[in-house]
mmCIF file of all heavy atoms, coordinates in Angstrom:
data_MODEL
# 
_entry.id   MODEL 
# 
loop_
_atom_site.group_PDB 
_atom_site.id 
_atom_site.type_symbol 
_atom_site.label_atom_id 
_atom_site.label_alt_id 
_atom_site.label_comp_id 
_atom_site.label_asym_id 
_atom_site.label_entity_id 
_atom_site.label_seq_id 
_atom_site.pdbx_PDB_ins_code 
_atom_site.Cartn_x 
_atom_site.Cartn_y 
_atom_site.Cartn_z 
_atom_site.occupancy 
_atom_site.B_iso_or_equiv 
_atom_site.pdbx_formal_charge 
_atom_site.auth_seq_id 
_atom_site.auth_comp_id 
_atom_site.auth_asym_id 
_atom_site.auth_atom_id 
_atom_site.pdbx_PDB_model_num 
ATOM 1   N N   . ALA A 1 1  ? -2.976  7.171  -9.604  1.00 0.00 ? 1  ALA A N   1 
ATOM 2   C CA  . ALA A 1 1  ? -3.671  6.457  -8.466  1.00 0.00 ? 1  ALA A CA  1 
ATOM 3   C C   . ALA A 1 1  ? -3.273  5.033  -8.299  1.00 0.00 ? 1  ALA A C   1 
ATOM 4   O O   . ALA A 1 1  ? -2.982  4.534  -7.219  1.00 0.00 ? 1  ALA A O   1 
ATOM 5   C CB  . ALA A 1 1  ? -5.161  6.604  -8.737  1.00 0.00 ? 1  ALA A CB  1 
ATOM 6   N N   . SER A 1 2  ? -3.035  4.412  -9.490  1.00 0.00 ? 2  SER A N   1 
ATOM 7   C CA  . SER A 1 2  ? -2.480  3.034  -9.439  1.00 0.00 ? 2  SER A CA  1 
ATOM 8   C C   . SER A 1 2  ? -1.040  2.960  -8.874  1.00 0.00 ? 2  SER A C   1 
ATOM 9   O O   . SER A 1 2  ? -0.793  2.178  -8.104  1.00 0.00 ? 2  SER A O   1 
ATOM 10  C CB  . SER A 1 2  ? -2.444  2.465  -10.794 1.00 0.00 ? 2  SER A CB  1 
ATOM 11  O OG  . SER A 1 2  ? -1.900  1.248  -10.863 1.00 0.00 ? 2  SER A OG  1 
ATOM 12  N N   . GLY A 1 3  ? -0.217  3.961  -9.338  1.00 0.00 ? 3  GLY A N   1 
ATOM 13  C CA  . GLY A 1 3  ? 1.091   4.044  -8.768  1.00 0.00 ? 3  GLY A CA  1 
ATOM 14  C C   . GLY A 1 3  ? 1.033   4.255  -7.286  1.00 0.00 ? 3  GLY A C   1 
ATOM 15  O O   . GLY A 1 3  ? 1.789   3.612  -6.466  1.00 0.00 ? 3  GLY A O   1 
ATOM 16  N N   . ALA A 1 4  ? 0.207   5.160  -6.755  1.00 0.00 ? 4  ALA A N   1 
ATOM 17  C CA  . ALA A 1 4  ? 0.120   5.434  -5.247  1.00 0.00 ? 4  ALA A CA  1 
ATOM 18  C C   . ALA A 1 4  ? -0.284  4.193  -4.616  1.00 0.00 ? 4  ALA A C   1 
ATOM 19  O O   . ALA A 1 4  ? 0.175   3.947  -3.488  1.00 0.00 ? 4  ALA A O   1 
ATOM 20  C CB  . ALA A 1 4  ? -0.841  6.648  -5.047  1.00 0.00 ? 4  ALA A CB  1 
ATOM 21  N N   . TYR A 1 5  ? -1.325  3.443  -5.146  1.00 0.00 ? 5  TYR A N   1 
ATOM 22  C CA  . TYR A 1 5  ? -1.836  2.291  -4.529  1.00 0.00 ? 5  TYR A CA  1 
ATOM 23  C C   . TYR A 1 5  ? -0.721  1.138  -4.356  1.00 0.00 ? 5  TYR A C   1 
ATOM 24  O O   . TYR A 1 5  ? -0.521  0.489  -3.320  1.00 0.00 ? 5  TYR A O   1 
ATOM 25  C CB  . TYR A 1 5  ? -3.034  1.655  -5.209  1.00 0.00 ? 5  TYR A CB  1 
ATOM 26  C CG  . TYR A 1 5  ? -3.446  0.442  -4.623  1.00 0.00 ? 5  TYR A CG  1 
ATOM 27  C CD1 . TYR A 1 5  ? -4.444  0.479  -3.525  1.00 0.00 ? 5  TYR A CD1 1 
ATOM 28  C CD2 . TYR A 1 5  ? -3.118  -0.842 -5.095  1.00 0.00 ? 5  TYR A CD2 1 
ATOM 29  C CE1 . TYR A 1 5  ? -4.827  -0.718 -2.945  1.00 0.00 ? 5  TYR A CE1 1 
ATOM 30  C CE2 . TYR A 1 5  ? -3.512  -2.021 -4.412  1.00 0.00 ? 5  TYR A CE2 1 
ATOM 31  C CZ  . TYR A 1 5  ? -4.353  -1.954 -3.421  1.00 0.00 ? 5  TYR A CZ  1 
ATOM 32  O OH  . TYR A 1 5  ? -4.691  -3.114 -2.877  1.00 0.00 ? 5  TYR A OH  1 
ATOM 33  N N   . MET A 1 6  ? 0.061   1.100  -5.375  1.00 0.00 ? 6  MET A N   1 
ATOM 34  C CA  . MET A 1 6  ? 1.069   0.093  -5.470  1.00 0.00 ? 6  MET A CA  1 
ATOM 35  C C   . MET A 1 6  ? 2.248   0.494  -4.541  1.00 0.00 ? 6  MET A C   1 
ATOM 36  O O   . MET A 1 6  ? 2.854   -0.459 -3.849  1.00 0.00 ? 6  MET A O   1 
ATOM 37  C CB  . MET A 1 6  ? 1.593   -0.083 -6.863  1.00 0.00 ? 6  MET A CB  1 
ATOM 38  C CG  . MET A 1 6  ? 0.669   -0.712 -7.869  1.00 0.00 ? 6  MET A CG  1 
ATOM 39  S SD  . MET A 1 6  ? -0.001  -2.334 -7.186  1.00 0.00 ? 6  MET A SD  1 
ATOM 40  C CE  . MET A 1 6  ? -1.072  -2.728 -8.419  1.00 0.00 ? 6  MET A CE  1 
ATOM 41  N N   . ALA A 1 7  ? 2.529   1.785  -4.421  1.00 0.00 ? 7  ALA A N   1 
ATOM 42  C CA  . ALA A 1 7  ? 3.612   2.219  -3.424  1.00 0.00 ? 7  ALA A CA  1 
ATOM 43  C C   . ALA A 1 7  ? 3.035   1.826  -2.000  1.00 0.00 ? 7  ALA A C   1 
ATOM 44  O O   . ALA A 1 7  ? 3.864   1.466  -1.217  1.00 0.00 ? 7  ALA A O   1 
ATOM 45  C CB  . ALA A 1 7  ? 3.806   3.704  -3.591  1.00 0.00 ? 7  ALA A CB  1 
ATOM 46  N N   . ASN A 1 8  ? 1.759   2.154  -1.772  1.00 0.00 ? 8  ASN A N   1 
ATOM 47  C CA  . ASN A 1 8  ? 1.215   1.736  -0.471  1.00 0.00 ? 8  ASN A CA  1 
ATOM 48  C C   . ASN A 1 8  ? 1.301   0.205  -0.205  1.00 0.00 ? 8  ASN A C   1 
ATOM 49  O O   . ASN A 1 8  ? 1.562   -0.067 0.978   1.00 0.00 ? 8  ASN A O   1 
ATOM 50  C CB  . ASN A 1 8  ? -0.324  2.163  -0.542  1.00 0.00 ? 8  ASN A CB  1 
ATOM 51  C CG  . ASN A 1 8  ? -0.879  2.455  0.833   1.00 0.00 ? 8  ASN A CG  1 
ATOM 52  O OD1 . ASN A 1 8  ? -0.179  2.941  1.801   1.00 0.00 ? 8  ASN A OD1 1 
ATOM 53  N ND2 . ASN A 1 8  ? -2.062  2.006  1.046   1.00 0.00 ? 8  ASN A ND2 1 
ATOM 54  N N   . GLN A 1 9  ? 1.146   -0.631 -1.232  1.00 0.00 ? 9  GLN A N   1 
ATOM 55  C CA  . GLN A 1 9  ? 1.295   -2.039 -0.935  1.00 0.00 ? 9  GLN A CA  1 
ATOM 56  C C   . GLN A 1 9  ? 2.764   -2.328 -0.601  1.00 0.00 ? 9  GLN A C   1 
ATOM 57  O O   . GLN A 1 9  ? 3.014   -3.300 0.249   1.00 0.00 ? 9  GLN A O   1 
ATOM 58  C CB  . GLN A 1 9  ? 0.949   -2.793 -2.260  1.00 0.00 ? 9  GLN A CB  1 
ATOM 59  C CG  . GLN A 1 9  ? -0.437  -2.764 -2.575  1.00 0.00 ? 9  GLN A CG  1 
ATOM 60  C CD  . GLN A 1 9  ? -1.232  -3.368 -1.443  1.00 0.00 ? 9  GLN A CD  1 
ATOM 61  O OE1 . GLN A 1 9  ? -1.853  -2.661 -0.597  1.00 0.00 ? 9  GLN A OE1 1 
ATOM 62  N NE2 . GLN A 1 9  ? -1.274  -4.726 -1.266  1.00 0.00 ? 9  GLN A NE2 1 
ATOM 63  N N   . THR A 1 10 ? 3.727   -1.628 -1.221  1.00 0.00 ? 10 THR A N   1 
ATOM 64  C CA  . THR A 1 10 ? 5.140   -1.905 -0.838  1.00 0.00 ? 10 THR A CA  1 
ATOM 65  C C   . THR A 1 10 ? 5.395   -1.481 0.593   1.00 0.00 ? 10 THR A C   1 
ATOM 66  O O   . THR A 1 10 ? 6.086   -2.183 1.366   1.00 0.00 ? 10 THR A O   1 
ATOM 67  C CB  . THR A 1 10 ? 6.006   -1.158 -1.741  1.00 0.00 ? 10 THR A CB  1 
ATOM 68  O OG1 . THR A 1 10 ? 5.776   -1.490 -3.050  1.00 0.00 ? 10 THR A OG1 1 
ATOM 69  C CG2 . THR A 1 10 ? 7.491   -1.280 -1.400  1.00 0.00 ? 10 THR A CG2 1 
ATOM 70  N N   . ILE A 1 11 ? 4.709   -0.315 1.086   1.00 0.00 ? 11 ILE A N   1 
ATOM 71  C CA  . ILE A 1 11 ? 4.801   0.051  2.541   1.00 0.00 ? 11 ILE A CA  1 
ATOM 72  C C   . ILE A 1 11 ? 4.177   -0.973 3.324   1.00 0.00 ? 11 ILE A C   1 
ATOM 73  O O   . ILE A 1 11 ? 4.784   -1.289 4.436   1.00 0.00 ? 11 ILE A O   1 
ATOM 74  C CB  . ILE A 1 11 ? 4.186   1.389  2.673   1.00 0.00 ? 11 ILE A CB  1 
ATOM 75  C CG1 . ILE A 1 11 ? 5.024   2.517  1.978   1.00 0.00 ? 11 ILE A CG1 1 
ATOM 76  C CG2 . ILE A 1 11 ? 4.040   1.727  4.183   1.00 0.00 ? 11 ILE A CG2 1 
ATOM 77  C CD1 . ILE A 1 11 ? 4.227   3.879  1.937   1.00 0.00 ? 11 ILE A CD1 1 
ATOM 78  N N   . ALA A 1 12 ? 3.157   -1.603 2.958   1.00 0.00 ? 12 ALA A N   1 
ATOM 79  C CA  . ALA A 1 12 ? 2.344   -2.654 3.717   1.00 0.00 ? 12 ALA A CA  1 
ATOM 80  C C   . ALA A 1 12 ? 3.501   -3.785 3.952   1.00 0.00 ? 12 ALA A C   1 
ATOM 81  O O   . ALA A 1 12 ? 3.595   -4.205 5.056   1.00 0.00 ? 12 ALA A O   1 
ATOM 82  C CB  . ALA A 1 12 ? 1.200   -3.096 3.042   1.00 0.00 ? 12 ALA A CB  1 
ATOM 83  N N   . ASN A 1 13 ? 4.086   -4.166 2.955   1.00 0.00 ? 13 ASN A N   1 
ATOM 84  C CA  . ASN A 1 13 ? 5.057   -5.215 3.070   1.00 0.00 ? 13 ASN A CA  1 
ATOM 85  C C   . ASN A 1 13 ? 6.215   -4.967 4.030   1.00 0.00 ? 13 ASN A C   1 
ATOM 86  O O   . ASN A 1 13 ? 6.611   -5.751 4.708   1.00 0.00 ? 13 ASN A O   1 
ATOM 87  C CB  . ASN A 1 13 ? 5.591   -5.647 1.658   1.00 0.00 ? 13 ASN A CB  1 
ATOM 88  C CG  . ASN A 1 13 ? 4.525   -6.353 0.813   1.00 0.00 ? 13 ASN A CG  1 
ATOM 89  O OD1 . ASN A 1 13 ? 3.530   -6.989 1.215   1.00 0.00 ? 13 ASN A OD1 1 
ATOM 90  N ND2 . ASN A 1 13 ? 4.655   -6.098 -0.468  1.00 0.00 ? 13 ASN A ND2 1 
ATOM 91  N N   . LEU A 1 14 ? 6.639   -3.659 3.967   1.00 0.00 ? 14 LEU A N   1 
ATOM 92  C CA  . LEU A 1 14 ? 7.741   -3.267 4.891   1.00 0.00 ? 14 LEU A CA  1 
ATOM 93  C C   . LEU A 1 14 ? 7.403   -3.282 6.222   1.00 0.00 ? 14 LEU A C   1 
ATOM 94  O O   . LEU A 1 14 ? 8.310   -3.446 7.189   1.00 0.00 ? 14 LEU A O   1 
ATOM 95  C CB  . LEU A 1 14 ? 8.286   -1.860 4.323   1.00 0.00 ? 14 LEU A CB  1 
ATOM 96  C CG  . LEU A 1 14 ? 8.956   -1.737 3.027   1.00 0.00 ? 14 LEU A CG  1 
ATOM 97  C CD1 . LEU A 1 14 ? 9.216   -0.303 2.743   1.00 0.00 ? 14 LEU A CD1 1 
ATOM 98  C CD2 . LEU A 1 14 ? 10.227  -2.602 3.077   1.00 0.00 ? 14 LEU A CD2 1 
ATOM 99  N N   . VAL A 1 15 ? 6.143   -3.101 6.593   1.00 0.00 ? 15 VAL A N   1 
ATOM 100 C CA  . VAL A 1 15 ? 5.631   -3.124 7.921   1.00 0.00 ? 15 VAL A CA  1 
ATOM 101 C C   . VAL A 1 15 ? 5.099   -4.414 8.351   1.00 0.00 ? 15 VAL A C   1 
ATOM 102 O O   . VAL A 1 15 ? 4.208   -4.589 9.268   1.00 0.00 ? 15 VAL A O   1 
ATOM 103 C CB  . VAL A 1 15 ? 4.710   -1.921 8.312   1.00 0.00 ? 15 VAL A CB  1 
ATOM 104 C CG1 . VAL A 1 15 ? 5.409   -0.673 8.197   1.00 0.00 ? 15 VAL A CG1 1 
ATOM 105 C CG2 . VAL A 1 15 ? 3.461   -1.935 7.486   1.00 0.00 ? 15 VAL A CG2 1 
ATOM 106 N N   . HIS A 1 16 ? 5.366   -5.483 7.448   1.00 0.00 ? 16 HIS A N   1 
ATOM 107 C CA  . HIS A 1 16 ? 4.848   -6.919 7.687   1.00 0.00 ? 16 HIS A CA  1 
ATOM 108 C C   . HIS A 1 16 ? 3.386   -7.049 7.770   1.00 0.00 ? 16 HIS A C   1 
ATOM 109 O O   . HIS A 1 16 ? 2.803   -7.774 8.394   1.00 0.00 ? 16 HIS A O   1 
ATOM 110 C CB  . HIS A 1 16 ? 5.452   -7.452 9.022   1.00 0.00 ? 16 HIS A CB  1 
ATOM 111 C CG  . HIS A 1 16 ? 6.996   -7.321 9.075   1.00 0.00 ? 16 HIS A CG  1 
ATOM 112 N ND1 . HIS A 1 16 ? 7.834   -7.986 8.234   1.00 0.00 ? 16 HIS A ND1 1 
ATOM 113 C CD2 . HIS A 1 16 ? 7.747   -6.518 9.804   1.00 0.00 ? 16 HIS A CD2 1 
ATOM 114 C CE1 . HIS A 1 16 ? 9.080   -7.651 8.535   1.00 0.00 ? 16 HIS A CE1 1 
ATOM 115 N NE2 . HIS A 1 16 ? 9.064   -6.677 9.440   1.00 0.00 ? 16 HIS A NE2 1 
ATOM 116 N N   . GLU A 1 17 ? 2.749   -6.197 6.812   1.00 0.00 ? 17 GLU A N   1 
ATOM 117 C CA  . GLU A 1 17 ? 1.358   -6.480 6.675   1.00 0.00 ? 17 GLU A CA  1 
ATOM 118 C C   . GLU A 1 17 ? 1.040   -6.923 5.230   1.00 0.00 ? 17 GLU A C   1 
ATOM 119 O O   . GLU A 1 17 ? 1.814   -6.508 4.295   1.00 0.00 ? 17 GLU A O   1 
ATOM 120 C CB  . GLU A 1 17 ? 0.605   -4.921 6.705   1.00 0.00 ? 17 GLU A CB  1 
ATOM 121 C CG  . GLU A 1 17 ? -0.838  -4.935 6.619   1.00 0.00 ? 17 GLU A CG  1 
ATOM 122 C CD  . GLU A 1 17 ? -1.491  -5.634 7.815   1.00 0.00 ? 17 GLU A CD  1 
ATOM 123 O OE1 . GLU A 1 17 ? -1.271  -5.389 8.938   1.00 0.00 ? 17 GLU A OE1 1 
ATOM 124 O OE2 . GLU A 1 17 ? -2.549  -6.343 7.491   1.00 0.00 ? 17 GLU A OE2 1 
ATOM 125 N N   . SER A 1 18 ? 0.170   -7.933 5.214   1.00 0.00 ? 18 SER A N   1 
ATOM 126 C CA  . SER A 1 18 ? -0.008  -8.557 3.821   1.00 0.00 ? 18 SER A CA  1 
ATOM 127 C C   . SER A 1 18 ? -0.682  -7.692 2.863   1.00 0.00 ? 18 SER A C   1 
ATOM 128 O O   . SER A 1 18 ? -0.446  -7.755 1.607   1.00 0.00 ? 18 SER A O   1 
ATOM 129 C CB  . SER A 1 18 ? -0.749  -9.951 4.079   1.00 0.00 ? 18 SER A CB  1 
ATOM 130 O OG  . SER A 1 18 ? -2.042  -9.583 4.629   1.00 0.00 ? 18 SER A OG  1 
ATOM 131 N N   . ASN A 1 19 ? -1.462  -6.726 3.308   1.00 0.00 ? 19 ASN A N   1 
ATOM 132 C CA  . ASN A 1 19 ? -2.242  -5.822 2.372   1.00 0.00 ? 19 ASN A CA  1 
ATOM 133 C C   . ASN A 1 19 ? -2.789  -4.674 3.053   1.00 0.00 ? 19 ASN A C   1 
ATOM 134 O O   . ASN A 1 19 ? -3.398  -4.680 4.150   1.00 0.00 ? 19 ASN A O   1 
ATOM 135 C CB  . ASN A 1 19 ? -3.392  -6.750 1.743   1.00 0.00 ? 19 ASN A CB  1 
ATOM 136 C CG  . ASN A 1 19 ? -4.179  -6.034 0.818   1.00 0.00 ? 19 ASN A CG  1 
ATOM 137 O OD1 . ASN A 1 19 ? -3.711  -5.232 0.160   1.00 0.00 ? 19 ASN A OD1 1 
ATOM 138 N ND2 . ASN A 1 19 ? -5.412  -6.449 0.681   1.00 0.00 ? 19 ASN A ND2 1 
ATOM 139 N N   . PHE A 1 20 ? -2.612  -3.607 2.362   1.00 0.00 ? 20 PHE A N   1 
ATOM 140 C CA  . PHE A 1 20 ? -3.413  -2.299 2.654   1.00 0.00 ? 20 PHE A CA  1 
ATOM 141 C C   . PHE A 1 20 ? -4.265  -2.214 1.466   1.00 0.00 ? 20 PHE A C   1 
ATOM 142 O O   . PHE A 1 20 ? -3.800  -2.002 0.380   1.00 0.00 ? 20 PHE A O   1 
ATOM 143 C CB  . PHE A 1 20 ? -2.478  -1.053 2.720   1.00 0.00 ? 20 PHE A CB  1 
ATOM 144 C CG  . PHE A 1 20 ? -1.691  -0.955 3.931   1.00 0.00 ? 20 PHE A CG  1 
ATOM 145 C CD1 . PHE A 1 20 ? -0.576  -0.048 4.005   1.00 0.00 ? 20 PHE A CD1 1 
ATOM 146 C CD2 . PHE A 1 20 ? -1.890  -1.760 5.092   1.00 0.00 ? 20 PHE A CD2 1 
ATOM 147 C CE1 . PHE A 1 20 ? 0.240   0.104  5.028   1.00 0.00 ? 20 PHE A CE1 1 
ATOM 148 C CE2 . PHE A 1 20 ? -0.979  -1.514 6.233   1.00 0.00 ? 20 PHE A CE2 1 
ATOM 149 C CZ  . PHE A 1 20 ? 0.008   -0.586 6.186   1.00 0.00 ? 20 PHE A CZ  1 
ATOM 150 N N   . ASN A 1 21 ? -5.620  -2.383 1.679   1.00 0.00 ? 21 ASN A N   1 
ATOM 151 C CA  . ASN A 1 21 ? -6.516  -2.505 0.499   1.00 0.00 ? 21 ASN A CA  1 
ATOM 152 C C   . ASN A 1 21 ? -7.114  -1.063 0.119   1.00 0.00 ? 21 ASN A C   1 
ATOM 153 O O   . ASN A 1 21 ? -7.800  -1.097 -0.789  1.00 0.00 ? 21 ASN A O   1 
ATOM 154 C CB  . ASN A 1 21 ? -7.754  -3.416 0.887   1.00 0.00 ? 21 ASN A CB  1 
ATOM 155 C CG  . ASN A 1 21 ? -8.626  -2.960 1.869   1.00 0.00 ? 21 ASN A CG  1 
ATOM 156 O OD1 . ASN A 1 21 ? -8.351  -1.906 2.522   1.00 0.00 ? 21 ASN A OD1 1 
ATOM 157 N ND2 . ASN A 1 21 ? -9.695  -3.662 2.169   1.00 0.00 ? 21 ASN A ND2 1 
ATOM 158 N N   . SER A 1 22 ? -6.644  -0.072 0.749   1.00 0.00 ? 22 SER A N   1 
ATOM 159 C CA  . SER A 1 22 ? -7.052  1.329  0.233   1.00 0.00 ? 22 SER A CA  1 
ATOM 160 C C   . SER A 1 22 ? -6.126  2.357  0.591   1.00 0.00 ? 22 SER A C   1 
ATOM 161 O O   . SER A 1 22 ? -5.229  2.240  1.468   1.00 0.00 ? 22 SER A O   1 
ATOM 162 C CB  . SER A 1 22 ? -8.508  1.595  0.993   1.00 0.00 ? 22 SER A CB  1 
ATOM 163 O OG  . SER A 1 22 ? -8.188  1.705  2.375   1.00 0.00 ? 22 SER A OG  1 
ATOM 164 N N   . VAL A 1 23 ? -6.263  3.522  -0.092  1.00 0.00 ? 23 VAL A N   1 
ATOM 165 C CA  . VAL A 1 23 ? -5.524  4.730  0.086   1.00 0.00 ? 23 VAL A CA  1 
ATOM 166 C C   . VAL A 1 23 ? -6.433  5.855  0.111   1.00 0.00 ? 23 VAL A C   1 
ATOM 167 O O   . VAL A 1 23 ? -7.337  5.958  -0.657  1.00 0.00 ? 23 VAL A O   1 
ATOM 168 C CB  . VAL A 1 23 ? -4.521  4.871  -1.091  1.00 0.00 ? 23 VAL A CB  1 
ATOM 169 C CG1 . VAL A 1 23 ? -3.759  6.182  -0.970  1.00 0.00 ? 23 VAL A CG1 1 
ATOM 170 C CG2 . VAL A 1 23 ? -3.514  3.639  -1.283  1.00 0.00 ? 23 VAL A CG2 1 
ATOM 171 N N   . TYR A 1 24 ? -6.188  6.742  1.087   1.00 0.00 ? 24 TYR A N   1 
ATOM 172 C CA  . TYR A 1 24 ? -7.018  8.040  1.160   1.00 0.00 ? 24 TYR A CA  1 
ATOM 173 C C   . TYR A 1 24 ? -6.170  9.132  1.113   1.00 0.00 ? 24 TYR A C   1 
ATOM 174 O O   . TYR A 1 24 ? -5.188  9.240  1.991   1.00 0.00 ? 24 TYR A O   1 
ATOM 175 C CB  . TYR A 1 24 ? -7.951  7.964  2.490   1.00 0.00 ? 24 TYR A CB  1 
ATOM 176 C CG  . TYR A 1 24 ? -8.806  9.135  2.569   1.00 0.00 ? 24 TYR A CG  1 
ATOM 177 C CD1 . TYR A 1 24 ? -9.829  9.360  1.781   1.00 0.00 ? 24 TYR A CD1 1 
ATOM 178 C CD2 . TYR A 1 24 ? -8.479  10.161 3.582   1.00 0.00 ? 24 TYR A CD2 1 
ATOM 179 C CE1 . TYR A 1 24 ? -10.831 10.535 1.795   1.00 0.00 ? 24 TYR A CE1 1 
ATOM 180 C CE2 . TYR A 1 24 ? -9.355  11.217 3.666   1.00 0.00 ? 24 TYR A CE2 1 
ATOM 181 C CZ  . TYR A 1 24 ? -10.465 11.387 2.802   1.00 0.00 ? 24 TYR A CZ  1 
ATOM 182 O OH  . TYR A 1 24 ? -11.158 12.561 2.991   1.00 0.00 ? 24 TYR A OH  1 
ATOM 183 N N   . GLN A 1 25 ? -6.369  10.144 0.293   1.00 0.00 ? 25 GLN A N   1 
ATOM 184 C CA  . GLN A 1 25 ? -5.560  11.330 0.259   1.00 0.00 ? 25 GLN A CA  1 
ATOM 185 C C   . GLN A 1 25 ? -6.487  12.512 0.343   1.00 0.00 ? 25 GLN A C   1 
ATOM 186 O O   . GLN A 1 25 ? -7.562  12.624 -0.363  1.00 0.00 ? 25 GLN A O   1 
ATOM 187 C CB  . GLN A 1 25 ? -4.774  11.459 -1.039  1.00 0.00 ? 25 GLN A CB  1 
ATOM 188 C CG  . GLN A 1 25 ? -3.842  10.175 -1.136  1.00 0.00 ? 25 GLN A CG  1 
ATOM 189 C CD  . GLN A 1 25 ? -3.186  10.113 -2.525  1.00 0.00 ? 25 GLN A CD  1 
ATOM 190 O OE1 . GLN A 1 25 ? -3.756  10.262 -3.591  1.00 0.00 ? 25 GLN A OE1 1 
ATOM 191 N NE2 . GLN A 1 25 ? -1.834  9.849  -2.418  1.00 0.00 ? 25 GLN A NE2 1 
# 
C-alpha cells in the first residue's frame, strides 16, 4: 500500500499536481 501510494505521488508530479493525497482501489 505504501508502494502504491508513492507511485501515485510520482504520477501526481508527472501531471504537474503537487499531491494526490489518497489512492482508492
